[in-house]
Amino acid sequence: MSRPLGPRTVRFVPLGGLGEIGMNCLAVEQEDGILVIDCGNSFPQDDLGIDVIHPDFTWLRERANRVKGVFLTHGHEDHIGAVPYLLEELDVPVWGPRHALALVRRRLTEHDFRPHEYRLREAVPRQHYEVGPFEVEPIRVAHSIVEATALRILTRAGVVLHTGDFNFDPDPPDGEPTDEERLCEVAREGVDLMLSDSTNIDVNGPGGTERDVGVTLERLISVAPARAIVAMFASNIQRLRMLGDIAQRVERKVCVLGRSLNTQIEVAHEIGRLHWPSNLIIPPERARSWPRDNLLVLAGGSQAERNSALARLGADTHNHLAIEAGDTVILSARIIPGNERVVYTLMSTLLRKGAVLHTRVTEPGVHTSGHAVREEQQRMLELLRPRAFVPVHGSLHHLFRHAELARSLGVEPVVTVENGTPFCIEDGQLSPEAPVRHGRVPIACGGEPIDPETLCRRAELGRTGVVAIALTVDAQGRILTDPTVSAYGVPSVDGDGAALRQVTREVVHACSRSRRRSDESMLTHEIRRAARRRLFDLCGCRPVVQVHVAVSASTDDP
């Protein structure tokens, strides 16, 4: 149990985003209430039938009556994607920028919720909002998505400044740079604790700008001899604005391929953040027949996600378009760590088709990160001059390096913690506490949570394959019908009739040798052991063996 909180103590409980990239979720607790900052998801790094992963909300659920609300910093999935799962368990209001809330409404509809029944409240920069005992003020910051905000939170322990995801792009396409004027005012008022994004702590040098990316993209698109295909993160509305302008200047029509891209474009139009003329876009059905040198294709799937538009284009399985020799493909995105293999495989496929391929390796200007690089992180620390600091949003390596940067600038105390380890601030001092329950909840493609035992089984099946054995016996355990043996994914056995017959004979011998044939569970165990021994001889591994023994109710003597 956590220790009781005093009247000037605030506890922070990271449920996601610390010690990992993504799934950002931070609870802020004081004696009279709890505030949740962001509620994001993450995506699997393997193919075990997992759709998304969200934080374990047990700690919040156990304190449901004290949770006063959720405050979203911006609309990226790793900050809003888990909101529907949280609202299944807690009935609380959600504040956030208009763009983020528009996306949340879409997510709630996808989960068969009625968005109007939930308390979604728009939060405007420089305005103050009471969330239970907390006072929260959003402050505009530049990022790769529109309407991103930092949060100034007035707590019992003083002022907490959460930077959210940010950078210092001086002239972003939406015309809304980081509000340094307000941040300077906050610094003069005093910042007792700063929490700041650590994602790009390893990136040295000045941060890039979106407008520079636009210059590079226009140069490449304007000289493309055939189709120009740009793969990008769907949520980058800033880049979508520029690409629409580029298409009009180089006299190309735009074709959008990918559900997420279409959703982001629709939402951006709805809230007035994107103004493409109606005659700029052609439907996917017309893409194949449209003049190749007059078409700009925007495709989802920059990480080579299974079934994404770009992956299907590479595999020649897209319904409306195929990549041809001479088409130009621009990967206007970074490769997220862990995706290198699949992305490079897709790149090779595109090159084999004769596509002209541009990436950050060949054209560094095709993408810039929305996250602050090391120089910008230092600038934020020097701007706010916090009395205490905790790095957030990053792997443990990122957190440690960001903490070192803060100490080198004279900030102390500094504490580094990972998910599940709370820390308190009281009278300017930071103190970690014993871990609380936390974790990752994988959600299957059908929408149901997957328990750890099921995941282990799926992984084991993927490593070794499965063999299914079915047979019918009488009450004394004597075989009445020939056993049926089927193998799936087992090398040297799957589809090999001779090997399957060997396993079948071993099953028959195991039954005849068994001294406890009338004991169904013992007979099943002995059949499984015998089959696994024979399978090991055949293929060198021991696959999962499922044995189904049916006992006949007939009393006739065979």
Foldseek 3Di string as FASTA:
>chain_A
DDDAADLQKKKKAWQDFAQAFFQGWIWIDHNQAIEIEFWAWAQDLDPLQFGIKGKDCVVCLVVQVRHQEYEYQDADRSGHVCVLVVCVRHQHAYEYAPLNVLVNCVNCVVVVHHSVVHHYHYADAPDWDDRGPKIKHWFDAFFLAPRGTWIWIQDSNGTEIEGGFHAQQPQFQLRTHGPLVVLLVLLVVAHLEYEYALAAAVDDDAFDYLVLLLVVVLVVLLPQPFEEEEEDDLRRLSNVQSVLVSLVVSQAAEEEFFDSNVVNVVSCVVVVNHDHDPVRYDYLQCVAVPGGSRYYYYFYCLLCDPPGPLVCLLVVNDPRDHDAARYEYESLDDHDPSSVVNNVVSVVSNVVRNYHYHYCVNPVSNYTGRGYHSVRLLVSCVSNVHQEYFYGRHRQVSRVSSQVSNVVVPHPDYDRDGRQWMWMAGPSDIDIDDGDDMDMFTAGPVGHTDDPVNSVLSVQCVVAWEKEKEFEAELQLQTDDQIDIATDPHPQQHPDPVLRVVLSVQLNVQSVPDPRSNPPVVNQVSSLVSSQVSSCVRRVHRGHYHYHYHYDPDPDDD
